[in-house]
N, C-alpha and C. Protein backbone atom coordinates (compact mmCIF):
# COMPACT_ATOMS: atom_id res chain seq x y z
N MET A 1 99.69 103.81 101.23
CA MET A 1 99.84 105.51 101.87
C MET A 1 100.58 105.79 102.82
N SER A 2 100.61 107.32 102.75
CA SER A 2 101.57 107.84 104.02
C SER A 2 100.10 108.78 104.27
N PRO A 3 99.99 109.16 104.75
CA PRO A 3 98.54 110.09 105.00
C PRO A 3 99.24 111.99 105.53
N GLU A 4 98.10 112.91 104.68
CA GLU A 4 98.57 113.95 104.27
C GLU A 4 98.27 114.46 105.59
N THR A 5 99.94 115.47 105.68
CA THR A 5 99.87 116.13 106.96
C THR A 5 98.93 117.39 107.32
N SER A 6 98.03 118.32 108.30
CA SER A 6 97.16 119.04 108.59
C SER A 6 97.79 119.94 109.55
N LYS A 7 97.45 121.42 109.58
CA LYS A 7 97.60 122.01 110.13
C LYS A 7 98.96 121.99 109.99
N ASN A 8 99.12 122.43 111.77
CA ASN A 8 101.18 122.04 111.70
C ASN A 8 101.59 121.34 112.84
N PRO A 9 102.63 120.71 111.56
CA PRO A 9 102.82 119.52 112.72
C PRO A 9 103.30 119.49 113.58
N ASP A 10 104.48 120.49 114.02
CA ASP A 10 105.18 120.95 114.52
C ASP A 10 103.79 121.46 115.94
N HIS A 11 102.81 121.56 115.86
CA HIS A 11 101.80 122.31 117.41
C HIS A 11 102.25 121.19 118.05
N GLY A 12 103.02 120.65 118.57
CA GLY A 12 103.67 120.00 120.41
C GLY A 12 102.49 118.46 120.16
N LYS A 13 101.90 118.59 119.58
CA LYS A 13 101.11 117.31 119.61
C LYS A 13 101.38 116.22 119.17
N PRO A 14 101.35 115.06 119.21
CA PRO A 14 101.42 114.16 117.66
C PRO A 14 100.24 113.91 117.10
N PRO A 15 100.72 113.79 115.51
CA PRO A 15 98.79 113.53 114.62
C PRO A 15 98.54 112.79 115.16
N VAL A 16 96.92 112.47 115.12
CA VAL A 16 96.74 111.01 115.29
C VAL A 16 96.01 110.53 113.74
N THR A 17 95.90 110.30 113.27
CA THR A 17 95.37 109.74 112.58
C THR A 17 93.29 109.44 112.01
N ILE A 18 92.96 109.82 111.32
CA ILE A 18 91.52 111.00 111.14
C ILE A 18 91.50 110.28 109.03
N PHE A 19 89.73 110.05 109.32
CA PHE A 19 90.35 109.43 107.68
C PHE A 19 88.48 110.75 107.59
N VAL A 20 89.23 110.92 106.18
CA VAL A 20 88.11 111.95 105.61
C VAL A 20 86.74 111.58 104.06
N ASN A 21 85.96 111.36 103.43
CA ASN A 21 86.23 110.22 102.50
C ASN A 21 86.99 109.48 102.34
N THR A 22 87.12 108.75 103.05
CA THR A 22 88.74 107.34 102.91
C THR A 22 89.25 107.22 102.64
N ARG A 23 90.29 108.79 102.55
CA ARG A 23 91.39 109.28 102.65
C ARG A 23 91.73 110.09 104.22
N GLU A 24 92.66 109.03 103.95
CA GLU A 24 93.51 108.85 105.26
C GLU A 24 94.27 110.28 105.76
N PHE A 25 94.10 111.39 106.47
CA PHE A 25 95.19 112.61 107.42
C PHE A 25 95.80 112.46 108.59
N ALA A 26 97.10 113.70 108.91
CA ALA A 26 97.43 113.20 110.56
C ALA A 26 96.88 114.56 110.98
N TRP A 27 96.56 114.75 112.00
CA TRP A 27 95.48 115.38 112.70
C TRP A 27 96.03 116.17 113.98
N THR A 28 97.45 117.12 114.31
CA THR A 28 97.48 117.36 115.77
C THR A 28 96.44 117.95 116.30
N GLU A 29 95.93 118.59 116.13
CA GLU A 29 95.11 119.56 116.76
C GLU A 29 93.36 118.69 118.15
N LYS A 30 93.43 119.47 118.97
CA LYS A 30 92.63 118.46 120.18
C LYS A 30 91.11 118.49 118.54
N GLU A 31 90.40 119.44 118.30
CA GLU A 31 89.78 119.85 118.00
C GLU A 31 89.67 119.65 116.42
N ILE A 32 88.06 118.83 115.68
CA ILE A 32 88.19 119.83 113.92
C ILE A 32 87.15 119.95 114.24
N SER A 33 86.53 121.14 112.90
CA SER A 33 85.51 122.20 112.55
C SER A 33 85.07 121.24 111.66
N TYR A 34 83.40 121.53 111.73
CA TYR A 34 82.81 121.43 109.99
C TYR A 34 83.82 122.11 108.70
N GLU A 35 83.96 123.18 109.13
CA GLU A 35 85.19 123.45 107.45
C GLU A 35 85.83 123.00 107.70
N GLU A 36 86.74 122.68 108.87
CA GLU A 36 87.51 121.95 108.74
C GLU A 36 87.72 120.94 107.62
N VAL A 37 86.75 120.28 108.28
CA VAL A 37 86.26 118.69 107.09
C VAL A 37 86.22 118.69 106.29
N TYR A 38 85.35 119.56 105.83
CA TYR A 38 84.76 120.17 104.45
C TYR A 38 86.44 120.15 103.51
N ASN A 39 87.03 121.70 103.81
CA ASN A 39 88.90 121.50 103.16
C ASN A 39 89.22 120.41 103.44
N LEU A 40 89.56 119.78 103.87
CA LEU A 40 90.12 118.37 103.80
C LEU A 40 89.29 117.34 102.75
N ALA A 41 88.00 116.94 102.66
CA ALA A 41 87.50 116.52 101.02
C ALA A 41 87.56 117.40 100.11
N PHE A 42 86.55 118.44 100.32
CA PHE A 42 87.25 118.87 98.69
C PHE A 42 88.13 120.06 98.56
N PRO A 43 89.75 120.26 98.90
CA PRO A 43 90.01 121.25 99.30
C PRO A 43 90.10 121.46 97.85
N ASP A 44 90.37 123.16 97.90
CA ASP A 44 89.76 123.72 96.68
C ASP A 44 89.15 124.19 96.39
N GLU A 45 87.67 124.06 96.89
CA GLU A 45 86.09 123.93 96.20
C GLU A 45 85.55 124.47 96.56
N PRO A 46 85.41 125.55 96.84
CA PRO A 46 83.98 126.44 97.26
C PRO A 46 83.21 125.89 97.43
N LEU A 47 81.71 126.40 98.42
CA LEU A 47 80.64 126.20 97.99
C LEU A 47 80.22 127.22 97.13
N ASN A 48 78.91 126.59 96.29
CA ASN A 48 78.25 127.38 95.71
C ASN A 48 77.26 127.94 96.18
N ASP A 49 76.44 128.83 95.35
CA ASP A 49 74.57 128.99 96.39
C ASP A 49 74.18 127.60 95.59
N GLY A 50 73.53 127.47 96.89
CA GLY A 50 72.21 126.23 96.74
C GLY A 50 72.82 124.71 97.17
N ASP A 51 74.64 124.80 97.51
CA ASP A 51 74.93 123.93 98.02
C ASP A 51 74.93 123.74 99.01
N VAL A 52 74.73 121.93 99.66
CA VAL A 52 74.13 121.48 100.55
C VAL A 52 75.07 120.76 101.27
N VAL A 53 75.58 120.79 102.25
CA VAL A 53 76.59 119.96 102.57
C VAL A 53 76.26 119.76 104.05
N ARG A 54 76.51 117.77 103.64
CA ARG A 54 76.91 117.14 105.35
C ARG A 54 77.85 116.64 105.98
N VAL A 55 78.22 116.82 107.12
CA VAL A 55 79.56 116.54 108.07
C VAL A 55 79.29 115.28 108.66
N GLU A 56 78.96 113.43 108.70
CA GLU A 56 78.72 112.85 109.87
C GLU A 56 80.49 112.46 110.21
N TYR A 57 80.08 111.83 111.32
CA TYR A 57 81.23 110.98 111.92
C TYR A 57 81.31 109.87 112.89
N SER A 58 81.74 109.52 113.09
CA SER A 58 81.71 108.39 113.84
C SER A 58 83.64 107.53 114.07
N ARG A 59 82.97 106.48 115.33
CA ARG A 59 84.60 105.97 115.61
C ARG A 59 84.47 107.63 116.35
N GLY A 60 83.83 108.24 117.07
CA GLY A 60 84.65 109.76 117.56
C GLY A 60 84.97 109.13 119.57
N HIS A 61 84.34 109.89 120.54
CA HIS A 61 84.59 109.16 122.10
C HIS A 61 82.39 108.99 122.39
N ASN A 62 83.06 108.70 123.21
CA ASN A 62 82.12 108.16 124.22
C ASN A 62 81.51 107.69 123.27
N GLY A 63 81.91 105.38 123.35
CA GLY A 63 81.27 104.69 122.86
C GLY A 63 81.86 105.25 121.55
N GLY A 64 80.50 104.82 120.30
CA GLY A 64 80.03 105.38 118.86
C GLY A 64 80.91 106.24 118.35
N GLY A 65 80.67 106.98 118.80
CA GLY A 65 80.83 108.52 119.52
C GLY A 65 80.30 108.97 117.88
N ALA A 66 79.10 108.47 117.43
CA ALA A 66 78.63 108.97 116.34
C ALA A 66 78.17 109.82 115.83
N GLY A 67 78.07 110.94 115.27
CA GLY A 67 77.10 112.74 115.31
C GLY A 67 77.31 112.79 113.83
N SER A 68 76.46 114.48 113.93
CA SER A 68 76.92 115.47 112.87
C SER A 68 77.46 116.53 113.33
N LEU A 69 77.79 117.06 112.47
CA LEU A 69 78.47 118.74 112.06
C LEU A 69 77.48 120.07 111.83
N GLN A 70 77.40 121.00 112.24
CA GLN A 70 76.76 122.07 111.33
C GLN A 70 78.14 123.27 111.26
N PRO A 71 77.46 124.00 110.28
CA PRO A 71 78.57 125.03 110.12
C PRO A 71 78.44 125.47 111.64
N GLY A 72 80.70 125.49 111.78
CA GLY A 72 80.66 126.32 113.18
C GLY A 72 81.20 126.20 114.02
N GLN A 73 80.71 124.71 114.03
CA GLN A 73 80.61 123.35 115.27
C GLN A 73 81.82 122.55 115.42
N THR A 74 82.69 122.02 116.37
CA THR A 74 83.72 121.26 116.27
C THR A 74 83.21 120.16 117.16
N VAL A 75 84.11 119.07 116.86
CA VAL A 75 84.20 118.23 117.82
C VAL A 75 85.22 117.84 117.76
N ASN A 76 85.74 117.30 119.40
CA ASN A 76 86.92 116.62 119.69
C ASN A 76 87.31 115.74 118.54
N VAL A 77 89.35 115.65 118.58
CA VAL A 77 89.23 113.94 117.69
C VAL A 77 89.58 113.08 118.41
N LYS A 78 89.75 112.01 117.26
CA LYS A 78 90.23 110.39 118.99
C LYS A 78 90.99 109.88 117.36
N VAL A 79 91.93 108.83 117.70
CA VAL A 79 92.51 108.36 116.72
C VAL A 79 91.43 107.59 116.19
N ASN A 80 91.52 107.22 114.95
CA ASN A 80 90.31 106.69 113.51
C ASN A 80 89.67 106.93 113.24
N MET A 81 89.74 107.92 113.80
CA MET A 81 87.78 108.85 113.43
C MET A 81 87.33 108.55 112.04
N VAL A 82 86.58 108.62 111.81
CA VAL A 82 85.38 108.64 110.13
C VAL A 82 85.51 110.17 110.33
N PHE A 83 85.39 110.94 109.12
CA PHE A 83 84.20 111.91 108.54
C PHE A 83 83.90 111.41 107.01
N ASP A 84 82.43 111.77 107.11
CA ASP A 84 82.38 111.86 105.53
C ASP A 84 81.09 112.70 105.44
N VAL A 85 81.84 113.39 104.27
CA VAL A 85 81.25 114.53 103.95
C VAL A 85 80.29 114.09 103.05
N TYR A 86 79.01 115.17 102.00
CA TYR A 86 78.05 114.60 101.36
C TYR A 86 77.84 115.74 100.76
N VAL A 87 77.93 116.37 99.25
CA VAL A 87 77.58 117.86 99.10
C VAL A 87 76.40 117.82 98.20
N THR A 88 75.46 118.24 98.03
CA THR A 88 74.79 117.93 97.08
C THR A 88 73.53 119.58 97.10
N VAL A 89 73.26 119.38 95.76
CA VAL A 89 72.40 121.05 94.65
C VAL A 89 71.68 121.29 95.51
N ARG A 90 70.99 122.14 96.44
CA ARG A 90 69.56 122.89 95.91
C ARG A 90 68.93 122.53 95.53
N SER A 91 67.57 122.24 94.21
CA SER A 91 67.32 122.54 93.19
C SER A 91 65.69 122.93 93.33
């Protein structure tokens, strides 16, 4: 499977492979935001009122490098970093 390219591949930095909901992507930026991860996981699917999104990551910097992102936050990207995006509907 060839990685999908995100951002501008001519940014100057060679892309690294990241995984979002088990799908492989090439990423050229130093950081990735909560919103960018969501858009990779669910392209062209805007959030509805009542949707709650949880973005978790692992295999990041500083050892295990696990954590979560909130709206407006970013995290430094590392080769083979894994992101899991969960959407639930508030009832």
